[in-house]
Amino acid sequence: MIEWKSPICLKVILIGNSGVGKSSFMNRYVNHRFTNMYRATIGTDFLTKEVNIDGSTVALQIWDTAGTERFQSLGTPLYRGSHCCLLVFDVTSRASFTALEVWRKEFLVQGEPLDPEGFPFIVLGNKTDLSNREVSRRQALQWCEQIGAQYFEGSAKDDVDVEKPFMTSAQAGLQQYKKHTLENTGHFQITCKQPRETRNNCQC
């Protein structure tokens, strides 16, 4: 028998190179704040926000990760249990865009999703407010088509199209949650445990 209770807890993770604005997008979405003061995320950070998806109350646990090599060892425990992954790049940095394939492959290896081919990835291009763009929307859409990911772009600074990628992630993550929880247990689990990792307040 399927038991519906709330809130359903979904884990959404943001990965990508350092400086692309992962923390900025997360903080703009959850706290409606933005700062020009840049501080690299040390290890991991997370915020939680409740949203309503198709009549279900969902607690989105959004994880922001450090985009530097010295913290990539955190990937294995951090990536596991994710319901959706946001691949974030800076539209003014071609290097950050080309690095997404490496980040995606690393997530699939370390995160060990139950259905690697069907796992939902959302690609997010940040900093559309800047004029020195190096990655066109067409280029991003072409790559997303190749990997079967949805594409969004916007600006955390100007608060442009910030909500769409997170709501899409919540919808995709909820589908994963229902599918695999039903397959494994026959009912929906509802516990939303607080992470053991140390939270670092950062708005970079």
N, C-alpha and C. Protein backbone atom coordinates (compact mmCIF):
# COMPACT_ATOMS: atom_id res chain seq x y z
N MET A 1 0.85 -1.19 0.00
CA MET A 1 0.00 0.00 0.00
C MET A 1 0.89 1.25 0.00
N ILE A 2 0.57 2.21 -0.86
CA ILE A 2 1.35 3.43 -0.97
C ILE A 2 0.86 4.44 0.06
N GLU A 3 1.76 4.95 0.87
CA GLU A 3 1.41 5.94 1.88
C GLU A 3 1.94 7.30 1.45
N TRP A 4 1.05 8.27 1.34
CA TRP A 4 1.45 9.63 0.99
C TRP A 4 1.52 10.49 2.25
N LYS A 5 2.67 10.99 2.53
CA LYS A 5 2.86 11.89 3.65
C LYS A 5 3.73 13.04 3.18
N SER A 6 3.86 14.06 4.00
CA SER A 6 4.67 15.19 3.61
C SER A 6 5.44 15.72 4.81
N PRO A 7 6.55 16.42 4.58
CA PRO A 7 7.08 16.72 3.25
C PRO A 7 7.95 15.61 2.70
N ILE A 8 7.99 15.51 1.40
CA ILE A 8 8.92 14.61 0.73
C ILE A 8 10.25 15.35 0.62
N CYS A 9 11.33 14.70 0.97
CA CYS A 9 12.64 15.35 0.96
C CYS A 9 13.41 14.96 -0.30
N LEU A 10 13.81 15.96 -1.06
CA LEU A 10 14.57 15.73 -2.28
C LEU A 10 15.93 16.40 -2.18
N LYS A 11 16.94 15.70 -2.65
CA LYS A 11 18.30 16.23 -2.65
C LYS A 11 18.68 16.66 -4.06
N VAL A 12 18.96 17.95 -4.20
CA VAL A 12 19.40 18.51 -5.48
C VAL A 12 20.81 19.06 -5.28
N ILE A 13 21.71 18.70 -6.17
CA ILE A 13 23.11 19.09 -6.00
C ILE A 13 23.56 19.97 -7.16
N LEU A 14 24.33 21.02 -6.85
CA LEU A 14 24.88 21.92 -7.85
C LEU A 14 26.37 21.64 -7.98
N ILE A 15 26.83 21.36 -9.20
CA ILE A 15 28.24 21.12 -9.42
C ILE A 15 28.71 21.91 -10.64
N GLY A 16 30.00 22.18 -10.69
CA GLY A 16 30.58 22.96 -11.78
C GLY A 16 31.84 23.65 -11.27
N ASN A 17 32.54 24.31 -12.16
CA ASN A 17 33.79 24.98 -11.80
C ASN A 17 33.59 26.04 -10.72
N SER A 18 34.65 26.34 -10.02
CA SER A 18 34.63 27.40 -9.03
C SER A 18 34.40 28.75 -9.70
N GLY A 19 33.58 29.59 -9.09
CA GLY A 19 33.36 30.93 -9.59
C GLY A 19 32.25 31.09 -10.60
N VAL A 20 31.53 30.01 -10.93
CA VAL A 20 30.46 30.13 -11.93
C VAL A 20 29.17 30.70 -11.34
N GLY A 21 29.08 30.73 -10.00
CA GLY A 21 27.91 31.32 -9.36
C GLY A 21 26.93 30.33 -8.77
N LYS A 22 27.42 29.16 -8.39
CA LYS A 22 26.53 28.15 -7.80
C LYS A 22 25.90 28.67 -6.50
N SER A 23 26.73 29.22 -5.63
CA SER A 23 26.23 29.74 -4.36
C SER A 23 25.31 30.94 -4.57
N SER A 24 25.65 31.76 -5.53
CA SER A 24 24.83 32.94 -5.81
C SER A 24 23.43 32.54 -6.27
N PHE A 25 23.36 31.56 -7.14
CA PHE A 25 22.06 31.11 -7.64
C PHE A 25 21.24 30.49 -6.53
N MET A 26 21.90 29.67 -5.69
CA MET A 26 21.20 29.02 -4.59
C MET A 26 20.68 30.05 -3.60
N ASN A 27 21.51 31.01 -3.24
CA ASN A 27 21.10 32.02 -2.26
C ASN A 27 20.04 32.97 -2.82
N ARG A 28 20.13 33.28 -4.10
CA ARG A 28 19.11 34.12 -4.71
C ARG A 28 17.76 33.40 -4.70
N TYR A 29 17.77 32.11 -4.97
CA TYR A 29 16.52 31.35 -5.01
C TYR A 29 15.92 31.17 -3.62
N VAL A 30 16.72 30.78 -2.66
CA VAL A 30 16.21 30.46 -1.33
C VAL A 30 16.03 31.71 -0.47
N ASN A 31 17.02 32.58 -0.44
CA ASN A 31 17.01 33.73 0.46
C ASN A 31 16.71 35.06 -0.22
N HIS A 32 16.61 35.04 -1.55
CA HIS A 32 16.33 36.26 -2.33
C HIS A 32 17.39 37.33 -2.07
N ARG A 33 18.63 36.88 -1.99
CA ARG A 33 19.75 37.81 -1.73
C ARG A 33 20.87 37.59 -2.74
N PHE A 34 21.64 38.65 -2.97
CA PHE A 34 22.82 38.54 -3.83
C PHE A 34 23.89 39.48 -3.29
N THR A 35 25.14 39.03 -3.37
CA THR A 35 26.25 39.89 -2.96
C THR A 35 27.35 39.82 -4.01
N ASN A 36 28.04 40.94 -4.23
CA ASN A 36 29.17 40.96 -5.15
C ASN A 36 30.46 40.49 -4.49
N MET A 37 30.41 40.26 -3.18
CA MET A 37 31.59 39.79 -2.45
C MET A 37 31.76 38.29 -2.69
N TYR A 38 32.84 37.93 -3.35
CA TYR A 38 33.09 36.53 -3.71
C TYR A 38 33.95 35.83 -2.68
N ARG A 39 33.45 34.70 -2.20
CA ARG A 39 34.24 33.82 -1.34
C ARG A 39 33.99 32.40 -1.81
N ALA A 40 35.05 31.67 -2.12
CA ALA A 40 34.89 30.30 -2.60
C ALA A 40 34.29 29.43 -1.51
N THR A 41 33.37 28.57 -1.92
CA THR A 41 32.78 27.61 -0.98
C THR A 41 33.86 26.65 -0.50
N ILE A 42 33.94 26.46 0.81
CA ILE A 42 34.92 25.54 1.39
C ILE A 42 34.22 24.22 1.67
N GLY A 43 34.44 23.25 0.79
CA GLY A 43 33.80 21.95 0.96
C GLY A 43 32.39 21.97 0.41
N THR A 44 31.39 22.12 1.30
CA THR A 44 30.00 22.09 0.86
C THR A 44 29.18 23.10 1.66
N ASP A 45 28.02 23.40 1.13
CA ASP A 45 27.06 24.27 1.78
C ASP A 45 25.68 23.77 1.34
N PHE A 46 24.66 24.00 2.14
CA PHE A 46 23.32 23.59 1.70
C PHE A 46 22.27 24.50 2.30
N LEU A 47 21.16 24.61 1.59
CA LEU A 47 19.99 25.35 2.04
C LEU A 47 18.76 24.51 1.73
N THR A 48 17.68 24.75 2.47
CA THR A 48 16.44 24.00 2.27
C THR A 48 15.29 24.95 2.00
N LYS A 49 14.44 24.56 1.06
CA LYS A 49 13.26 25.35 0.74
C LYS A 49 12.10 24.42 0.42
N GLU A 50 10.93 24.70 0.99
CA GLU A 50 9.74 23.89 0.71
C GLU A 50 9.00 24.48 -0.49
N VAL A 51 8.62 23.59 -1.41
CA VAL A 51 7.85 23.98 -2.58
C VAL A 51 6.71 22.99 -2.77
N ASN A 52 5.73 23.38 -3.57
CA ASN A 52 4.61 22.50 -3.87
C ASN A 52 4.71 22.04 -5.31
N ILE A 53 4.78 20.73 -5.50
CA ILE A 53 4.88 20.15 -6.83
C ILE A 53 3.73 19.18 -7.03
N ASP A 54 2.84 19.49 -7.95
CA ASP A 54 1.72 18.62 -8.28
C ASP A 54 0.94 18.18 -7.04
N GLY A 55 0.74 19.11 -6.12
CA GLY A 55 -0.04 18.81 -4.92
C GLY A 55 0.75 18.19 -3.80
N SER A 56 2.02 17.94 -4.00
CA SER A 56 2.87 17.35 -2.96
C SER A 56 3.80 18.42 -2.38
N THR A 57 3.90 18.46 -1.06
CA THR A 57 4.86 19.36 -0.42
C THR A 57 6.23 18.73 -0.47
N VAL A 58 7.17 19.44 -1.04
CA VAL A 58 8.52 18.92 -1.24
C VAL A 58 9.51 19.81 -0.52
N ALA A 59 10.37 19.21 0.30
CA ALA A 59 11.46 19.93 0.95
C ALA A 59 12.71 19.75 0.07
N LEU A 60 13.07 20.81 -0.65
CA LEU A 60 14.25 20.76 -1.50
C LEU A 60 15.49 21.02 -0.66
N GLN A 61 16.35 20.04 -0.58
CA GLN A 61 17.62 20.21 0.12
C GLN A 61 18.67 20.45 -0.96
N ILE A 62 19.07 21.72 -1.12
CA ILE A 62 19.93 22.12 -2.23
C ILE A 62 21.37 22.19 -1.75
N TRP A 63 22.22 21.40 -2.39
CA TRP A 63 23.63 21.31 -2.00
C TRP A 63 24.50 22.06 -2.99
N ASP A 64 25.35 22.91 -2.46
CA ASP A 64 26.31 23.67 -3.25
C ASP A 64 27.68 23.08 -2.98
N THR A 65 28.44 22.81 -4.02
CA THR A 65 29.74 22.14 -3.85
C THR A 65 30.88 23.04 -4.28
N ALA A 66 32.04 22.80 -3.69
CA ALA A 66 33.25 23.50 -4.11
C ALA A 66 33.67 23.00 -5.48
N GLY A 67 34.03 23.93 -6.37
CA GLY A 67 34.41 23.53 -7.73
C GLY A 67 35.90 23.45 -7.91
N THR A 68 36.64 23.09 -6.86
CA THR A 68 38.09 23.01 -6.96
C THR A 68 38.56 21.57 -6.71
N GLU A 69 39.66 21.23 -7.31
CA GLU A 69 40.16 19.85 -7.27
C GLU A 69 40.41 19.35 -5.86
N ARG A 70 40.87 20.23 -4.97
CA ARG A 70 41.24 19.74 -3.64
C ARG A 70 40.04 19.31 -2.82
N PHE A 71 38.82 19.65 -3.26
CA PHE A 71 37.63 19.22 -2.54
C PHE A 71 36.86 18.13 -3.28
N GLN A 72 37.37 17.66 -4.40
CA GLN A 72 36.63 16.67 -5.17
C GLN A 72 36.54 15.32 -4.47
N SER A 73 37.39 15.08 -3.48
CA SER A 73 37.30 13.83 -2.71
C SER A 73 36.00 13.76 -1.92
N LEU A 74 35.37 14.92 -1.73
CA LEU A 74 34.09 14.94 -1.03
C LEU A 74 32.96 14.41 -1.91
N GLY A 75 33.25 14.26 -3.20
CA GLY A 75 32.21 13.91 -4.14
C GLY A 75 31.47 12.63 -3.85
N THR A 76 32.20 11.57 -3.49
CA THR A 76 31.57 10.27 -3.29
C THR A 76 30.45 10.30 -2.26
N PRO A 77 30.71 10.74 -1.00
CA PRO A 77 29.60 10.77 -0.04
C PRO A 77 28.59 11.86 -0.35
N LEU A 78 29.05 12.95 -0.97
CA LEU A 78 28.15 14.07 -1.21
C LEU A 78 27.18 13.81 -2.36
N TYR A 79 27.66 13.21 -3.44
CA TYR A 79 26.83 12.99 -4.62
C TYR A 79 25.76 11.93 -4.39
N ARG A 80 26.06 10.95 -3.55
CA ARG A 80 25.13 9.83 -3.37
C ARG A 80 23.81 10.28 -2.76
N GLY A 81 22.75 9.68 -3.24
CA GLY A 81 21.43 10.00 -2.71
C GLY A 81 20.78 11.20 -3.38
N SER A 82 21.43 11.77 -4.39
CA SER A 82 20.86 12.92 -5.09
C SER A 82 19.71 12.47 -5.98
N HIS A 83 18.70 13.33 -6.08
CA HIS A 83 17.56 13.05 -6.95
C HIS A 83 17.65 13.81 -8.26
N CYS A 84 18.48 14.85 -8.31
CA CYS A 84 18.68 15.63 -9.53
C CYS A 84 20.00 16.38 -9.39
N CYS A 85 20.65 16.64 -10.53
CA CYS A 85 21.93 17.33 -10.51
C CYS A 85 21.87 18.54 -11.44
N LEU A 86 22.25 19.69 -10.91
CA LEU A 86 22.34 20.93 -11.68
C LEU A 86 23.80 21.16 -12.07
N LEU A 87 24.07 21.12 -13.38
CA LEU A 87 25.41 21.41 -13.89
C LEU A 87 25.47 22.89 -14.22
N VAL A 88 26.31 23.63 -13.51
CA VAL A 88 26.30 25.09 -13.62
C VAL A 88 27.59 25.59 -14.30
N PHE A 89 27.40 26.51 -15.25
CA PHE A 89 28.56 27.14 -15.89
C PHE A 89 28.32 28.63 -16.04
N ASP A 90 29.38 29.35 -16.37
CA ASP A 90 29.37 30.79 -16.57
C ASP A 90 29.36 31.04 -18.08
N VAL A 91 28.34 31.74 -18.59
CA VAL A 91 28.23 31.94 -20.03
C VAL A 91 29.36 32.80 -20.59
N THR A 92 30.11 33.47 -19.71
CA THR A 92 31.25 34.27 -20.16
C THR A 92 32.56 33.49 -20.08
N SER A 93 32.47 32.20 -19.76
CA SER A 93 33.67 31.36 -19.62
C SER A 93 33.48 30.05 -20.38
N ARG A 94 34.11 29.94 -21.54
CA ARG A 94 34.01 28.71 -22.32
C ARG A 94 34.59 27.53 -21.56
N ALA A 95 35.65 27.80 -20.77
CA ALA A 95 36.29 26.72 -20.01
C ALA A 95 35.32 26.09 -19.01
N SER A 96 34.50 26.92 -18.39
CA SER A 96 33.55 26.38 -17.41
C SER A 96 32.48 25.54 -18.08
N PHE A 97 32.18 25.87 -19.35
CA PHE A 97 31.19 25.10 -20.11
C PHE A 97 31.76 23.75 -20.55
N THR A 98 32.97 23.77 -21.10
CA THR A 98 33.57 22.52 -21.57
C THR A 98 33.87 21.57 -20.41
N ALA A 99 34.02 22.11 -19.20
CA ALA A 99 34.30 21.27 -18.03
C ALA A 99 33.07 20.49 -17.56
N LEU A 100 31.89 20.87 -18.03
CA LEU A 100 30.66 20.23 -17.54
C LEU A 100 30.63 18.73 -17.84
N GLU A 101 31.19 18.33 -18.97
CA GLU A 101 31.18 16.90 -19.29
C GLU A 101 31.99 16.11 -18.28
N VAL A 102 33.12 16.69 -17.83
CA VAL A 102 33.94 16.02 -16.81
C VAL A 102 33.16 15.93 -15.50
N TRP A 103 32.50 17.03 -15.12
CA TRP A 103 31.70 17.02 -13.89
C TRP A 103 30.57 16.00 -13.98
N ARG A 104 29.93 15.92 -15.13
CA ARG A 104 28.81 14.97 -15.30
C ARG A 104 29.29 13.52 -15.16
N LYS A 105 30.39 13.21 -15.82
CA LYS A 105 30.92 11.85 -15.75
C LYS A 105 31.36 11.51 -14.33
N GLU A 106 31.98 12.49 -13.65
CA GLU A 106 32.41 12.25 -12.28
C GLU A 106 31.22 11.98 -11.37
N PHE A 107 30.14 12.73 -11.58
CA PHE A 107 28.95 12.51 -10.77
C PHE A 107 28.40 11.10 -10.98
N LEU A 108 28.33 10.65 -12.23
CA LEU A 108 27.78 9.32 -12.52
C LEU A 108 28.63 8.21 -11.90
N VAL A 109 29.96 8.43 -11.87
CA VAL A 109 30.85 7.43 -11.27
C VAL A 109 30.77 7.45 -9.75
N GLN A 110 30.88 8.63 -9.16
CA GLN A 110 30.93 8.73 -7.71
C GLN A 110 29.55 8.68 -7.06
N GLY A 111 28.55 9.22 -7.74
CA GLY A 111 27.22 9.25 -7.16
C GLY A 111 26.48 7.94 -7.24
N GLU A 112 26.88 7.08 -8.20
CA GLU A 112 26.27 5.77 -8.37
C GLU A 112 24.74 5.81 -8.37
N PRO A 113 24.11 6.63 -9.25
CA PRO A 113 22.65 6.64 -9.31
C PRO A 113 22.11 5.28 -9.75
N LEU A 114 20.91 4.93 -9.29
CA LEU A 114 20.33 3.64 -9.61
C LEU A 114 20.08 3.46 -11.09
N ASP A 115 19.76 4.55 -11.77
CA ASP A 115 19.49 4.51 -13.21
C ASP A 115 20.35 5.57 -13.89
N PRO A 116 21.63 5.28 -14.16
CA PRO A 116 22.54 6.29 -14.71
C PRO A 116 22.04 6.91 -16.01
N GLU A 117 21.49 6.09 -16.90
CA GLU A 117 21.04 6.61 -18.19
C GLU A 117 19.80 7.48 -18.05
N GLY A 118 19.00 7.23 -17.04
CA GLY A 118 17.78 8.00 -16.86
C GLY A 118 17.85 9.06 -15.79
N PHE A 119 19.05 9.24 -15.20
CA PHE A 119 19.17 10.22 -14.12
C PHE A 119 19.03 11.64 -14.68
N PRO A 120 18.24 12.51 -14.02
CA PRO A 120 18.00 13.84 -14.55
C PRO A 120 19.13 14.84 -14.27
N PHE A 121 19.65 15.41 -15.35
CA PHE A 121 20.59 16.52 -15.27
C PHE A 121 19.91 17.78 -15.80
N ILE A 122 20.12 18.89 -15.11
CA ILE A 122 19.66 20.20 -15.56
C ILE A 122 20.91 21.05 -15.78
N VAL A 123 21.04 21.68 -16.93
CA VAL A 123 22.19 22.52 -17.22
C VAL A 123 21.77 23.98 -17.05
N LEU A 124 22.60 24.72 -16.32
CA LEU A 124 22.28 26.11 -15.99
C LEU A 124 23.42 27.04 -16.38
N GLY A 125 23.14 27.98 -17.26
CA GLY A 125 24.11 28.99 -17.64
C GLY A 125 23.86 30.27 -16.85
N ASN A 126 24.83 30.69 -16.06
CA ASN A 126 24.69 31.87 -15.21
C ASN A 126 25.42 33.07 -15.82
N LYS A 127 25.13 34.25 -15.30
CA LYS A 127 25.79 35.52 -15.63
C LYS A 127 25.40 36.06 -17.01
N THR A 128 24.13 35.88 -17.39
CA THR A 128 23.66 36.44 -18.66
C THR A 128 23.59 37.96 -18.63
N ASP A 129 23.78 38.55 -17.45
CA ASP A 129 23.79 40.01 -17.35
C ASP A 129 25.07 40.63 -17.91
N LEU A 130 26.10 39.80 -18.09
CA LEU A 130 27.38 40.31 -18.60
C LEU A 130 27.41 40.31 -20.13
N SER A 131 28.16 41.22 -20.70
CA SER A 131 28.18 41.38 -22.16
C SER A 131 29.24 40.54 -22.86
N ASN A 132 30.27 40.10 -22.14
CA ASN A 132 31.37 39.37 -22.76
C ASN A 132 31.10 37.87 -22.81
N ARG A 133 30.01 37.51 -23.47
CA ARG A 133 29.57 36.12 -23.51
C ARG A 133 30.48 35.29 -24.43
N GLU A 134 30.84 34.08 -23.97
CA GLU A 134 31.69 33.18 -24.76
C GLU A 134 30.95 31.91 -25.19
N VAL A 135 29.82 31.62 -24.56
CA VAL A 135 29.05 30.41 -24.89
C VAL A 135 27.64 30.85 -25.29
N SER A 136 27.27 30.56 -26.53
CA SER A 136 25.95 30.96 -27.01
C SER A 136 24.89 30.00 -26.49
N ARG A 137 23.66 30.47 -26.50
CA ARG A 137 22.54 29.63 -26.11
C ARG A 137 22.43 28.41 -27.04
N ARG A 138 22.70 28.63 -28.32
CA ARG A 138 22.63 27.54 -29.29
C ARG A 138 23.65 26.45 -28.96
N GLN A 139 24.88 26.84 -28.62
CA GLN A 139 25.91 25.86 -28.27
C GLN A 139 25.50 25.04 -27.04
N ALA A 140 24.96 25.74 -26.05
CA ALA A 140 24.55 25.05 -24.83
C ALA A 140 23.40 24.08 -25.11
N LEU A 141 22.45 24.52 -25.91
CA LEU A 141 21.30 23.66 -26.24
C LEU A 141 21.74 22.43 -27.03
N GLN A 142 22.71 22.58 -27.91
CA GLN A 142 23.21 21.44 -28.69
C GLN A 142 23.81 20.38 -27.79
N TRP A 143 24.61 20.82 -26.81
CA TRP A 143 25.23 19.85 -25.89
C TRP A 143 24.17 19.20 -25.01
N CYS A 144 23.22 19.99 -24.56
CA CYS A 144 22.16 19.44 -23.71
C CYS A 144 21.33 18.39 -24.46
N GLU A 145 21.14 18.63 -25.74
CA GLU A 145 20.41 17.65 -26.55
C GLU A 145 21.17 16.34 -26.64
N GLN A 146 22.49 16.43 -26.71
CA GLN A 146 23.32 15.23 -26.78
C GLN A 146 23.24 14.39 -25.52
N ILE A 147 23.16 15.04 -24.37
CA ILE A 147 23.16 14.29 -23.11
C ILE A 147 21.75 14.12 -22.53
N GLY A 148 20.75 14.66 -23.21
CA GLY A 148 19.38 14.51 -22.75
C GLY A 148 19.04 15.35 -21.53
N ALA A 149 19.61 16.56 -21.47
CA ALA A 149 19.37 17.44 -20.32
C ALA A 149 18.56 18.66 -20.74
N GLN A 150 17.82 19.21 -19.81
CA GLN A 150 17.12 20.46 -20.05
C GLN A 150 18.08 21.62 -19.78
N TYR A 151 17.88 22.72 -20.53
CA TYR A 151 18.78 23.86 -20.40
C TYR A 151 18.04 25.11 -19.96
N PHE A 152 18.66 25.82 -19.00
CA PHE A 152 18.15 27.11 -18.55
C PHE A 152 19.32 28.07 -18.44
N GLU A 153 19.05 29.35 -18.59
CA GLU A 153 20.08 30.33 -18.33
C GLU A 153 19.45 31.56 -17.70
N GLY A 154 20.25 32.27 -16.94
CA GLY A 154 19.73 33.44 -16.25
C GLY A 154 20.83 34.17 -15.52
N SER A 155 20.43 35.05 -14.62
CA SER A 155 21.39 35.86 -13.87
C SER A 155 21.00 35.90 -12.40
N ALA A 156 21.89 35.38 -11.56
CA ALA A 156 21.65 35.47 -10.12
C ALA A 156 21.74 36.93 -9.67
N LYS A 157 22.63 37.68 -10.28
CA LYS A 157 22.80 39.09 -9.90
C LYS A 157 21.55 39.91 -10.18
N ASP A 158 20.99 39.75 -11.37
CA ASP A 158 19.82 40.53 -11.75
C ASP A 158 18.50 39.83 -11.43
N ASP A 159 18.58 38.64 -10.81
CA ASP A 159 17.38 37.87 -10.44
C ASP A 159 16.53 37.57 -11.68
N VAL A 160 17.18 37.05 -12.72
CA VAL A 160 16.50 36.71 -13.97
C VAL A 160 16.43 35.19 -14.13
N ASP A 161 15.22 34.68 -14.24
CA ASP A 161 14.99 33.24 -14.48
C ASP A 161 15.73 32.35 -13.48
N VAL A 162 15.67 32.71 -12.22
CA VAL A 162 16.33 31.93 -11.17
C VAL A 162 15.46 30.76 -10.71
N GLU A 163 14.16 30.96 -10.67
CA GLU A 163 13.27 29.94 -10.11
C GLU A 163 13.08 28.75 -11.04
N LYS A 164 13.05 28.98 -12.33
CA LYS A 164 12.72 27.92 -13.29
C LYS A 164 13.59 26.67 -13.17
N PRO A 165 14.92 26.80 -13.15
CA PRO A 165 15.74 25.59 -13.07
C PRO A 165 15.53 24.79 -11.78
N PHE A 166 15.27 25.49 -10.67
CA PHE A 166 15.07 24.78 -9.41
C PHE A 166 13.71 24.06 -9.38
N MET A 167 12.68 24.70 -9.91
CA MET A 167 11.38 24.05 -9.95
C MET A 167 11.40 22.85 -10.89
N THR A 168 12.12 22.98 -12.01
CA THR A 168 12.27 21.85 -12.93
C THR A 168 13.05 20.72 -12.27
N SER A 169 14.07 21.10 -11.50
CA SER A 169 14.85 20.09 -10.76
C SER A 169 13.97 19.38 -9.74
N ALA A 170 13.10 20.13 -9.09
CA ALA A 170 12.20 19.53 -8.10
C ALA A 170 11.25 18.55 -8.76
N GLN A 171 10.72 18.91 -9.92
CA GLN A 171 9.81 18.03 -10.64
C GLN A 171 10.51 16.76 -11.10
N ALA A 172 11.72 16.93 -11.67
CA ALA A 172 12.49 15.77 -12.13
C ALA A 172 12.92 14.90 -10.95
N GLY A 173 13.33 15.54 -9.87
CA GLY A 173 13.75 14.80 -8.68
C GLY A 173 12.61 14.05 -8.05
N LEU A 174 11.41 14.63 -8.07
CA LEU A 174 10.24 13.96 -7.49
C LEU A 174 9.90 12.71 -8.29
N GLN A 175 10.05 12.77 -9.60
CA GLN A 175 9.81 11.59 -10.43
C GLN A 175 10.80 10.48 -10.09
N GLN A 176 12.07 10.86 -9.90
CA GLN A 176 13.08 9.88 -9.51
C GLN A 176 12.75 9.28 -8.15
N TYR A 177 12.36 10.12 -7.23
CA TYR A 177 12.04 9.70 -5.87
C TYR A 177 10.91 8.66 -5.88
N LYS A 178 9.84 9.00 -6.58
CA LYS A 178 8.68 8.09 -6.62
C LYS A 178 9.05 6.77 -7.28
N LYS A 179 9.76 6.86 -8.38
CA LYS A 179 10.12 5.66 -9.12
C LYS A 179 10.97 4.70 -8.30
N HIS A 180 12.05 5.22 -7.71
CA HIS A 180 12.99 4.34 -7.04
C HIS A 180 12.56 3.98 -5.62
N THR A 181 11.82 4.85 -4.95
CA THR A 181 11.32 4.50 -3.63
C THR A 181 10.27 3.42 -3.74
N LEU A 182 9.43 3.51 -4.74
CA LEU A 182 8.43 2.47 -4.97
C LEU A 182 9.10 1.15 -5.32
N GLU A 183 10.11 1.20 -6.18
CA GLU A 183 10.79 -0.03 -6.59
C GLU A 183 11.47 -0.71 -5.41
N ASN A 184 12.04 0.08 -4.50
CA ASN A 184 12.85 -0.49 -3.43
C ASN A 184 12.07 -0.82 -2.16
N THR A 185 11.02 -0.04 -1.85
CA THR A 185 10.35 -0.22 -0.58
C THR A 185 8.85 -0.43 -0.69
N GLY A 186 8.25 -0.02 -1.81
CA GLY A 186 6.81 -0.16 -1.94
C GLY A 186 6.03 0.94 -1.27
N HIS A 187 6.71 1.89 -0.65
CA HIS A 187 6.02 3.03 -0.05
C HIS A 187 6.96 4.23 -0.05
N PHE A 188 6.45 5.38 0.25
CA PHE A 188 7.25 6.60 0.22
C PHE A 188 7.81 6.91 1.59
N GLN A 189 9.11 7.10 1.64
CA GLN A 189 9.74 7.54 2.87
C GLN A 189 9.62 9.05 2.98
N ILE A 190 9.57 9.58 4.20
CA ILE A 190 9.35 11.01 4.35
C ILE A 190 10.40 11.71 5.19
N THR A 191 11.30 10.95 5.78
CA THR A 191 12.28 11.57 6.67
C THR A 191 13.24 12.46 5.90
N CYS A 192 13.38 13.66 6.36
CA CYS A 192 14.32 14.60 5.75
C CYS A 192 15.40 14.91 6.78
N LYS A 193 16.46 14.11 6.78
CA LYS A 193 17.50 14.23 7.79
C LYS A 193 18.41 15.40 7.46
N GLN A 194 18.91 16.04 8.50
CA GLN A 194 19.88 17.11 8.32
C GLN A 194 21.24 16.49 7.99
N PRO A 195 21.96 17.04 7.04
CA PRO A 195 23.26 16.49 6.65
C PRO A 195 24.26 16.59 7.79
N ARG A 196 25.20 15.66 7.76
CA ARG A 196 26.26 15.67 8.77
C ARG A 196 27.39 16.61 8.41
N GLU A 197 27.52 16.91 7.10
CA GLU A 197 28.62 17.79 6.69
C GLU A 197 28.44 19.18 7.29
N THR A 198 29.56 19.82 7.51
CA THR A 198 29.54 21.18 8.07
C THR A 198 29.02 22.16 7.05
N ARG A 199 28.11 23.02 7.49
CA ARG A 199 27.60 24.06 6.62
C ARG A 199 28.52 25.27 6.69
N ASN A 200 28.75 25.85 5.56
CA ASN A 200 29.58 27.05 5.48
C ASN A 200 28.76 28.15 4.84
N ASN A 201 28.52 29.21 5.56
CA ASN A 201 27.74 30.32 5.00
C ASN A 201 28.57 31.05 3.96
N CYS A 202 28.10 30.97 2.73
CA CYS A 202 28.82 31.58 1.64
C CYS A 202 27.83 32.07 0.59
N GLN A 203 28.06 33.23 0.05
CA GLN A 203 27.18 33.76 -0.98
C GLN A 203 27.97 34.07 -2.23
N CYS A 204 28.93 33.19 -2.51
CA CYS A 204 29.76 33.43 -3.70
C CYS A 204 29.05 32.95 -4.95
